[in-house]
Amino acid sequence: MLRKIYRAMVLGQAASAAYKTSATMSDEILDDIGQTRGSFVNNVIESVRKELDREDREAAAKKLANNYHKNFGTKPATATVNPNLVGAV
C-alpha cells in the first residue's frame, strides 16, 4: 500500500514539474523537439512510470532470488569487475 502511495506521489510530482516546464517553453521550442504541450507532459509521465515499473521488477527479482537462496541454503554468486577493463570490450 505504501508503494502505491509513493508511486502516486512521484507521478504527481513528475506531472506537475512537466506541466510547469512546458508552460515556460515557447511553441517554437516545442516544435523543435517535436512535442505539443500535452504530449510533453504525457511523455514525461510515461517515462517516470516506466522507470518505476523497472525498479519494481528489479526489486521483485531480487526478492525472489533472496528467497531461493534462503530456502535452499545457498549463497548468491557475486561477480567482481575489474575497473581497468570496463569499456575495453
PDB file of N, CA and C in Angstrom:
ATOM      1  N   MET A   1       0.808  -1.180   0.000  1.00  0.00           N
ATOM      2  CA  MET A   1       0.000   0.000   0.000  1.00  0.00           C
ATOM      3  C   MET A   1       0.862   1.259   0.000  1.00  0.00           C
ATOM      4  N   LEU A   2       1.913   1.254   0.804  1.00  0.00           N
ATOM      5  CA  LEU A   2       2.797   2.416   0.828  1.00  0.00           C
ATOM      6  C   LEU A   2       3.470   2.617  -0.524  1.00  0.00           C
ATOM      7  N   ARG A   3       3.759   1.516  -1.196  1.00  0.00           N
ATOM      8  CA  ARG A   3       4.383   1.615  -2.520  1.00  0.00           C
ATOM      9  C   ARG A   3       3.443   2.327  -3.500  1.00  0.00           C
ATOM     10  N   LYS A   4       2.140   2.037  -3.413  1.00  0.00           N
ATOM     11  CA  LYS A   4       1.170   2.691  -4.296  1.00  0.00           C
ATOM     12  C   LYS A   4       1.065   4.180  -3.994  1.00  0.00           C
ATOM     13  N   ILE A   5       1.106   4.525  -2.717  1.00  0.00           N
ATOM     14  CA  ILE A   5       1.063   5.938  -2.328  1.00  0.00           C
ATOM     15  C   ILE A   5       2.313   6.652  -2.821  1.00  0.00           C
ATOM     16  N   TYR A   6       3.474   6.017  -2.619  1.00  0.00           N
ATOM     17  CA  TYR A   6       4.729   6.592  -3.084  1.00  0.00           C
ATOM     18  C   TYR A   6       4.693   6.808  -4.593  1.00  0.00           C
ATOM     19  N   ARG A   7       4.213   5.793  -5.311  1.00  0.00           N
ATOM     20  CA  ARG A   7       4.128   5.858  -6.769  1.00  0.00           C
ATOM     21  C   ARG A   7       3.234   7.012  -7.218  1.00  0.00           C
ATOM     22  N   ALA A   8       2.086   7.163  -6.566  1.00  0.00           N
ATOM     23  CA  ALA A   8       1.164   8.240  -6.906  1.00  0.00           C
ATOM     24  C   ALA A   8       1.795   9.607  -6.647  1.00  0.00           C
ATOM     25  N   MET A   9       2.536   9.719  -5.550  1.00  0.00           N
ATOM     26  CA  MET A   9       3.197  10.985  -5.230  1.00  0.00           C
ATOM     27  C   MET A   9       4.270  11.315  -6.269  1.00  0.00           C
ATOM     28  N   VAL A  10       5.071  10.319  -6.655  1.00  0.00           N
ATOM     29  CA  VAL A  10       6.140  10.551  -7.630  1.00  0.00           C
ATOM     30  C   VAL A  10       5.545  10.936  -8.978  1.00  0.00           C
ATOM     31  N   LEU A  11       4.506  10.226  -9.399  1.00  0.00           N
ATOM     32  CA  LEU A  11       3.876  10.545 -10.684  1.00  0.00           C
ATOM     33  C   LEU A  11       3.222  11.930 -10.653  1.00  0.00           C
ATOM     34  N   GLY A  12       2.630  12.285  -9.531  1.00  0.00           N
ATOM     35  CA  GLY A  12       2.038  13.616  -9.397  1.00  0.00           C
ATOM     36  C   GLY A  12       3.080  14.712  -9.460  1.00  0.00           C
ATOM     37  N   GLN A  13       4.212  14.496  -8.795  1.00  0.00           N
ATOM     38  CA  GLN A  13       5.292  15.480  -8.837  1.00  0.00           C
ATOM     39  C   GLN A  13       5.871  15.599 -10.248  1.00  0.00           C
ATOM     40  N   ALA A  14       6.003  14.465 -10.935  1.00  0.00           N
ATOM     41  CA  ALA A  14       6.520  14.487 -12.305  1.00  0.00           C
ATOM     42  C   ALA A  14       5.566  15.235 -13.224  1.00  0.00           C
ATOM     43  N   ALA A  15       4.281  15.006 -13.062  1.00  0.00           N
ATOM     44  CA  ALA A  15       3.284  15.695 -13.886  1.00  0.00           C
ATOM     45  C   ALA A  15       3.315  17.201 -13.624  1.00  0.00           C
ATOM     46  N   SER A  16       3.411  17.571 -12.363  1.00  0.00           N
ATOM     47  CA  SER A  16       3.456  18.985 -12.014  1.00  0.00           C
ATOM     48  C   SER A  16       4.694  19.664 -12.600  1.00  0.00           C
ATOM     49  N   ALA A  17       5.846  19.011 -12.454  1.00  0.00           N
ATOM     50  CA  ALA A  17       7.086  19.584 -12.986  1.00  0.00           C
ATOM     51  C   ALA A  17       7.040  19.668 -14.508  1.00  0.00           C
ATOM     52  N   ALA A  18       6.506  18.643 -15.157  1.00  0.00           N
ATOM     53  CA  ALA A  18       6.422  18.656 -16.623  1.00  0.00           C
ATOM     54  C   ALA A  18       5.475  19.748 -17.100  1.00  0.00           C
ATOM     55  N   TYR A  19       4.368  19.926 -16.407  1.00  0.00           N
ATOM     56  CA  TYR A  19       3.424  20.972 -16.776  1.00  0.00           C
ATOM     57  C   TYR A  19       4.057  22.351 -16.635  1.00  0.00           C
ATOM     58  N   LYS A  20       4.764  22.573 -15.517  1.00  0.00           N
ATOM     59  CA  LYS A  20       5.418  23.870 -15.305  1.00  0.00           C
ATOM     60  C   LYS A  20       6.512  24.101 -16.339  1.00  0.00           C
ATOM     61  N   THR A  21       7.248  23.052 -16.674  1.00  0.00           N
ATOM     62  CA  THR A  21       8.306  23.179 -17.681  1.00  0.00           C
ATOM     63  C   THR A  21       7.713  23.496 -19.043  1.00  0.00           C
ATOM     64  N   SER A  22       6.645  22.809 -19.415  1.00  0.00           N
ATOM     65  CA  SER A  22       6.038  23.062 -20.724  1.00  0.00           C
ATOM     66  C   SER A  22       5.440  24.457 -20.801  1.00  0.00           C
ATOM     67  N   ALA A  23       5.000  24.993 -19.669  1.00  0.00           N
ATOM     68  CA  ALA A  23       4.443  26.348 -19.648  1.00  0.00           C
ATOM     69  C   ALA A  23       5.514  27.397 -19.917  1.00  0.00           C
ATOM     70  N   THR A  24       6.765  27.085 -19.581  1.00  0.00           N
ATOM     71  CA  THR A  24       7.838  28.051 -19.807  1.00  0.00           C
ATOM     72  C   THR A  24       8.452  27.923 -21.199  1.00  0.00           C
ATOM     73  N   MET A  25       8.097  26.872 -21.924  1.00  0.00           N
ATOM     74  CA  MET A  25       8.659  26.656 -23.260  1.00  0.00           C
ATOM     75  C   MET A  25       7.808  27.365 -24.305  1.00  0.00           C
ATOM     76  N   SER A  26       8.480  27.931 -25.281  1.00  0.00           N
ATOM     77  CA  SER A  26       7.744  28.573 -26.366  1.00  0.00           C
ATOM     78  C   SER A  26       7.257  27.510 -27.343  1.00  0.00           C
ATOM     79  N   ASP A  27       6.317  27.905 -28.190  1.00  0.00           N
ATOM     80  CA  ASP A  27       5.802  26.978 -29.193  1.00  0.00           C
ATOM     81  C   ASP A  27       6.902  26.548 -30.161  1.00  0.00           C
ATOM     82  N   GLU A  28       7.843  27.449 -30.445  1.00  0.00           N
ATOM     83  CA  GLU A  28       8.947  27.115 -31.356  1.00  0.00           C
ATOM     84  C   GLU A  28       9.841  26.030 -30.759  1.00  0.00           C
ATOM     85  N   ILE A  29      10.126  26.131 -29.475  1.00  0.00           N
ATOM     86  CA  ILE A  29      10.956  25.116 -28.819  1.00  0.00           C
ATOM     87  C   ILE A  29      10.244  23.774 -28.842  1.00  0.00           C
ATOM     88  N   LEU A  30       8.950  23.790 -28.543  1.00  0.00           N
ATOM     89  CA  LEU A  30       8.188  22.546 -28.562  1.00  0.00           C
ATOM     90  C   LEU A  30       8.153  21.951 -29.969  1.00  0.00           C
ATOM     91  N   ASP A  31       8.020  22.815 -30.986  1.00  0.00           N
ATOM     92  CA  ASP A  31       8.047  22.324 -32.370  1.00  0.00           C
ATOM     93  C   ASP A  31       9.404  21.724 -32.705  1.00  0.00           C
ATOM     94  N   ASP A  32      10.477  22.341 -32.208  1.00  0.00           N
ATOM     95  CA  ASP A  32      11.825  21.844 -32.487  1.00  0.00           C
ATOM     96  C   ASP A  32      12.042  20.437 -31.933  1.00  0.00           C
ATOM     97  N   ILE A  33      11.461  20.159 -30.781  1.00  0.00           N
ATOM     98  CA  ILE A  33      11.639  18.823 -30.195  1.00  0.00           C
ATOM     99  C   ILE A  33      10.499  17.880 -30.590  1.00  0.00           C
ATOM    100  N   GLY A  34       9.589  18.364 -31.435  1.00  0.00           N
ATOM    101  CA  GLY A  34       8.525  17.511 -31.947  1.00  0.00           C
ATOM    102  C   GLY A  34       7.467  17.160 -30.927  1.00  0.00           C
ATOM    103  N   GLN A  35       7.145  18.096 -30.057  1.00  0.00           N
ATOM    104  CA  GLN A  35       6.177  17.847 -28.987  1.00  0.00           C
ATOM    105  C   GLN A  35       5.116  18.938 -28.993  1.00  0.00           C
ATOM    106  N   THR A  36       3.990  18.616 -28.404  1.00  0.00           N
ATOM    107  CA  THR A  36       2.999  19.622 -28.044  1.00  0.00           C
ATOM    108  C   THR A  36       3.039  19.714 -26.523  1.00  0.00           C
ATOM    109  N   ARG A  37       2.351  20.679 -25.979  1.00  0.00           N
ATOM    110  CA  ARG A  37       2.363  20.801 -24.515  1.00  0.00           C
ATOM    111  C   ARG A  37       1.788  19.551 -23.853  1.00  0.00           C
ATOM    112  N   GLY A  38       0.710  19.050 -24.397  1.00  0.00           N
ATOM    113  CA  GLY A  38       0.086  17.851 -23.825  1.00  0.00           C
ATOM    114  C   GLY A  38       0.945  16.610 -23.990  1.00  0.00           C
ATOM    115  N   SER A  39       1.533  16.445 -25.170  1.00  0.00           N
ATOM    116  CA  SER A  39       2.352  15.249 -25.388  1.00  0.00           C
ATOM    117  C   SER A  39       3.633  15.308 -24.561  1.00  0.00           C
ATOM    118  N   PHE A  40       4.159  16.507 -24.322  1.00  0.00           N
ATOM    119  CA  PHE A  40       5.356  16.650 -23.497  1.00  0.00           C
ATOM    120  C   PHE A  40       5.075  16.132 -22.089  1.00  0.00           C
ATOM    121  N   VAL A  41       3.973  16.574 -21.511  1.00  0.00           N
ATOM    122  CA  VAL A  41       3.605  16.150 -20.158  1.00  0.00           C
ATOM    123  C   VAL A  41       3.349  14.646 -20.135  1.00  0.00           C
ATOM    124  N   ASN A  42       2.603  14.141 -21.113  1.00  0.00           N
ATOM    125  CA  ASN A  42       2.310  12.707 -21.162  1.00  0.00           C
ATOM    126  C   ASN A  42       3.573  11.875 -21.315  1.00  0.00           C
ATOM    127  N   ASN A  43       4.524  12.331 -22.128  1.00  0.00           N
ATOM    128  CA  ASN A  43       5.769  11.585 -22.321  1.00  0.00           C
ATOM    129  C   ASN A  43       6.613  11.555 -21.055  1.00  0.00           C
ATOM    130  N   VAL A  44       6.636  12.660 -20.324  1.00  0.00           N
ATOM    131  CA  VAL A  44       7.382  12.691 -19.068  1.00  0.00           C
ATOM    132  C   VAL A  44       6.753  11.724 -18.056  1.00  0.00           C
ATOM    133  N   ILE A  45       5.443  11.755 -17.946  1.00  0.00           N
ATOM    134  CA  ILE A  45       4.754  10.865 -17.011  1.00  0.00           C
ATOM    135  C   ILE A  45       4.990   9.408 -17.395  1.00  0.00           C
ATOM    136  N   GLU A  46       4.903   9.102 -18.683  1.00  0.00           N
ATOM    137  CA  GLU A  46       5.124   7.724 -19.131  1.00  0.00           C
ATOM    138  C   GLU A  46       6.563   7.277 -18.861  1.00  0.00           C
ATOM    139  N   SER A  47       7.511   8.182 -19.040  1.00  0.00           N
ATOM    140  CA  SER A  47       8.910   7.863 -18.763  1.00  0.00           C
ATOM    141  C   SER A  47       9.120   7.533 -17.290  1.00  0.00           C
ATOM    142  N   VAL A  48       8.532   8.325 -16.415  1.00  0.00           N
ATOM    143  CA  VAL A  48       8.649   8.083 -14.972  1.00  0.00           C
ATOM    144  C   VAL A  48       7.947   6.783 -14.606  1.00  0.00           C
ATOM    145  N   ARG A  49       6.788   6.526 -15.207  1.00  0.00           N
ATOM    146  CA  ARG A  49       6.049   5.287 -14.931  1.00  0.00           C
ATOM    147  C   ARG A  49       6.879   4.069 -15.343  1.00  0.00           C
ATOM    148  N   LYS A  50       7.529   4.136 -16.491  1.00  0.00           N
ATOM    149  CA  LYS A  50       8.369   3.022 -16.942  1.00  0.00           C
ATOM    150  C   LYS A  50       9.541   2.799 -15.995  1.00  0.00           C
ATOM    151  N   GLU A  51      10.130   3.873 -15.508  1.00  0.00           N
ATOM    152  CA  GLU A  51      11.248   3.757 -14.566  1.00  0.00           C
ATOM    153  C   GLU A  51      10.790   3.116 -13.255  1.00  0.00           C
ATOM    154  N   LEU A  52       9.631   3.512 -12.767  1.00  0.00           N
ATOM    155  CA  LEU A  52       9.089   2.908 -11.544  1.00  0.00           C
ATOM    156  C   LEU A  52       8.776   1.430 -11.766  1.00  0.00           C
ATOM    157  N   ASP A  53       8.234   1.090 -12.931  1.00  0.00           N
ATOM    158  CA  ASP A  53       7.945  -0.316 -13.244  1.00  0.00           C
ATOM    159  C   ASP A  53       9.235  -1.133 -13.292  1.00  0.00           C
ATOM    160  N   ARG A  54      10.281  -0.559 -13.882  1.00  0.00           N
ATOM    161  CA  ARG A  54      11.567  -1.256 -13.959  1.00  0.00           C
ATOM    162  C   ARG A  54      12.127  -1.504 -12.562  1.00  0.00           C
ATOM    163  N   GLU A  55      12.050  -0.499 -11.701  1.00  0.00           N
ATOM    164  CA  GLU A  55      12.524  -0.658 -10.323  1.00  0.00           C
ATOM    165  C   GLU A  55      11.718  -1.720  -9.582  1.00  0.00           C
ATOM    166  N   ASP A  56      10.407  -1.761  -9.821  1.00  0.00           N
ATOM    167  CA  ASP A  56       9.566  -2.785  -9.185  1.00  0.00           C
ATOM    168  C   ASP A  56       9.960  -4.183  -9.649  1.00  0.00           C
ATOM    169  N   ARG A  57      10.213  -4.342 -10.953  1.00  0.00           N
ATOM    170  CA  ARG A  57      10.621  -5.655 -11.476  1.00  0.00           C
ATOM    171  C   ARG A  57      11.960  -6.088 -10.894  1.00  0.00           C
ATOM    172  N   GLU A  58      12.915  -5.145 -10.802  1.00  0.00           N
ATOM    173  CA  GLU A  58      14.225  -5.476 -10.234  1.00  0.00           C
ATOM    174  C   GLU A  58      14.105  -5.863  -8.766  1.00  0.00           C
ATOM    175  N   ALA A  59      13.269  -5.145  -8.014  1.00  0.00           N
ATOM    176  CA  ALA A  59      13.084  -5.462  -6.595  1.00  0.00           C
ATOM    177  C   ALA A  59      12.424  -6.830  -6.433  1.00  0.00           C
ATOM    178  N   ALA A  60      11.455  -7.143  -7.290  1.00  0.00           N
ATOM    179  CA  ALA A  60      10.790  -8.441  -7.214  1.00  0.00           C
ATOM    180  C   ALA A  60      11.762  -9.565  -7.558  1.00  0.00           C
ATOM    181  N   ALA A  61      12.612  -9.356  -8.562  1.00  0.00           N
ATOM    182  CA  ALA A  61      13.596 -10.378  -8.945  1.00  0.00           C
ATOM    183  C   ALA A  61      14.607 -10.590  -7.821  1.00  0.00           C
ATOM    184  N   LYS A  62      15.024  -9.509  -7.179  1.00  0.00           N
ATOM    185  CA  LYS A  62      15.981  -9.621  -6.081  1.00  0.00           C
ATOM    186  C   LYS A  62      15.349 -10.356  -4.898  1.00  0.00           C
ATOM    187  N   LYS A  63      14.087 -10.046  -4.608  1.00  0.00           N
ATOM    188  CA  LYS A  63      13.395 -10.714  -3.516  1.00  0.00           C
ATOM    189  C   LYS A  63      13.234 -12.203  -3.819  1.00  0.00           C
ATOM    190  N   LEU A  64      12.900 -12.525  -5.063  1.00  0.00           N
ATOM    191  CA  LEU A  64      12.755 -13.923  -5.461  1.00  0.00           C
ATOM    192  C   LEU A  64      14.079 -14.666  -5.326  1.00  0.00           C
ATOM    193  N   ALA A  65      15.166 -14.036  -5.756  1.00  0.00           N
ATOM    194  CA  ALA A  65      16.485 -14.667  -5.657  1.00  0.00           C
ATOM    195  C   ALA A  65      16.880 -14.859  -4.198  1.00  0.00           C
ATOM    196  N   ASN A  66      16.618 -13.866  -3.360  1.00  0.00           N
ATOM    197  CA  ASN A  66      16.950 -13.991  -1.938  1.00  0.00           C
ATOM    198  C   ASN A  66      16.141 -15.100  -1.276  1.00  0.00           C
ATOM    199  N   ASN A  67      14.864 -15.216  -1.643  1.00  0.00           N
ATOM    200  CA  ASN A  67      14.034 -16.289  -1.087  1.00  0.00           C
ATOM    201  C   ASN A  67      14.550 -17.652  -1.542  1.00  0.00           C
ATOM    202  N   TYR A  68      14.977 -17.754  -2.788  1.00  0.00           N
ATOM    203  CA  TYR A  68      15.513 -19.009  -3.306  1.00  0.00           C
ATOM    204  C   TYR A  68      16.738 -19.426  -2.491  1.00  0.00           C
ATOM    205  N   HIS A  69      17.668 -18.494  -2.324  1.00  0.00           N
ATOM    206  CA  HIS A  69      18.893 -18.812  -1.588  1.00  0.00           C
ATOM    207  C   HIS A  69      18.601 -19.105  -0.118  1.00  0.00           C
ATOM    208  N   LYS A  70      17.620 -18.410   0.432  1.00  0.00           N
ATOM    209  CA  LYS A  70      17.252 -18.651   1.823  1.00  0.00           C
ATOM    210  C   LYS A  70      16.630 -20.048   1.985  1.00  0.00           C
ATOM    211  N   ASN A  71      15.767 -20.424   1.040  1.00  0.00           N
ATOM    212  CA  ASN A  71      15.081 -21.720   1.122  1.00  0.00           C
ATOM    213  C   ASN A  71      16.028 -22.895   0.902  1.00  0.00           C
ATOM    214  N   PHE A  72      16.995 -22.734   0.018  1.00  0.00           N
ATOM    215  CA  PHE A  72      17.874 -23.848  -0.317  1.00  0.00           C
ATOM    216  C   PHE A  72      19.242 -23.768   0.354  1.00  0.00           C
ATOM    217  N   GLY A  73      19.460 -22.748   1.153  1.00  0.00           N
ATOM    218  CA  GLY A  73      20.701 -22.642   1.912  1.00  0.00           C
ATOM    219  C   GLY A  73      21.925 -22.368   1.058  1.00  0.00           C
ATOM    220  N   THR A  74      21.725 -21.735  -0.083  1.00  0.00           N
ATOM    221  CA  THR A  74      22.858 -21.403  -0.946  1.00  0.00           C
ATOM    222  C   THR A  74      23.189 -19.929  -0.797  1.00  0.00           C
ATOM    223  N   LYS A  75      24.318 -19.562  -1.332  1.00  0.00           N
ATOM    224  CA  LYS A  75      24.717 -18.158  -1.322  1.00  0.00           C
ATOM    225  C   LYS A  75      24.679 -17.635  -2.748  1.00  0.00           C
ATOM    226  N   PRO A  76      24.217 -16.395  -2.925  1.00  0.00           N
ATOM    227  CA  PRO A  76      24.187 -15.846  -4.271  1.00  0.00           C
ATOM    228  C   PRO A  76      25.604 -15.660  -4.806  1.00  0.00           C
ATOM    229  N   ALA A  77      25.756 -15.864  -6.099  1.00  0.00           N
ATOM    230  CA  ALA A  77      27.054 -15.659  -6.734  1.00  0.00           C
ATOM    231  C   ALA A  77      27.330 -14.172  -6.838  1.00  0.00           C
ATOM    232  N   THR A  78      28.545 -13.802  -6.575  1.00  0.00           N
ATOM    233  CA  THR A  78      28.928 -12.404  -6.718  1.00  0.00           C
ATOM    234  C   THR A  78      29.988 -12.306  -7.793  1.00  0.00           C
ATOM    235  N   ALA A  79      29.938 -11.242  -8.525  1.00  0.00           N
ATOM    236  CA  ALA A  79      30.896 -11.030  -9.596  1.00  0.00           C
ATOM    237  C   ALA A  79      31.762  -9.835  -9.225  1.00  0.00           C
ATOM    238  N   THR A  80      33.020  -9.943  -9.533  1.00  0.00           N
ATOM    239  CA  THR A  80      33.910  -8.816  -9.323  1.00  0.00           C
ATOM    240  C   THR A  80      34.240  -8.239 -10.694  1.00  0.00           C
ATOM    241  N   VAL A  81      34.258  -6.957 -10.758  1.00  0.00           N
ATOM    242  CA  VAL A  81      34.512  -6.261 -12.012  1.00  0.00           C
ATOM    243  C   VAL A  81      35.830  -5.517 -11.876  1.00  0.00           C
ATOM    244  N   ASN A  82      36.726  -5.786 -12.816  1.00  0.00           N
ATOM    245  CA  ASN A  82      37.981  -5.070 -12.850  1.00  0.00           C
ATOM    246  C   ASN A  82      37.738  -3.707 -13.499  1.00  0.00           C
ATOM    247  N   PRO A  83      37.888  -2.601 -12.745  1.00  0.00           N
ATOM    248  CA  PRO A  83      37.593  -1.295 -13.315  1.00  0.00           C
ATOM    249  C   PRO A  83      38.520  -0.922 -14.467  1.00  0.00           C
ATOM    250  N   ASN A  84      39.680  -1.556 -14.551  1.00  0.00           N
ATOM    251  CA  ASN A  84      40.588  -1.268 -15.651  1.00  0.00           C
ATOM    252  C   ASN A  84      40.084  -1.827 -16.966  1.00  0.00           C
ATOM    253  N   LEU A  85      39.213  -2.836 -16.887  1.00  0.00           N
ATOM    254  CA  LEU A  85      38.722  -3.481 -18.103  1.00  0.00           C
ATOM    255  C   LEU A  85      37.348  -2.995 -18.533  1.00  0.00           C
ATOM    256  N   VAL A  86      36.698  -2.178 -17.717  1.00  0.00           N
ATOM    257  CA  VAL A  86      35.381  -1.684 -18.066  1.00  0.00           C
ATOM    258  C   VAL A  86      35.499  -0.800 -19.303  1.00  0.00           C
ATOM    259  N   GLY A  87      34.700  -1.106 -20.292  1.00  0.00           N
ATOM    260  CA  GLY A  87      34.715  -0.342 -21.524  1.00  0.00           C
ATOM    261  C   GLY A  87      35.770  -0.803 -22.506  1.00  0.00           C
ATOM    262  N   ALA A  88      36.539  -1.830 -22.152  1.00  0.00           N
ATOM    263  CA  ALA A  88      37.590  -2.302 -23.038  1.00  0.00           C
ATOM    264  C   ALA A  88      37.049  -3.161 -24.170  1.00  0.00           C
ATOM    265  N   VAL A  89      35.874  -3.701 -23.970  1.00  0.00           N
ATOM    266  CA  VAL A  89      35.308  -4.607 -24.989  1.00  0.00           C
ATOM    267  C   VAL A  89      34.474  -3.848 -25.957  1.00  0.00           C
TER     268      VAL A  89
END
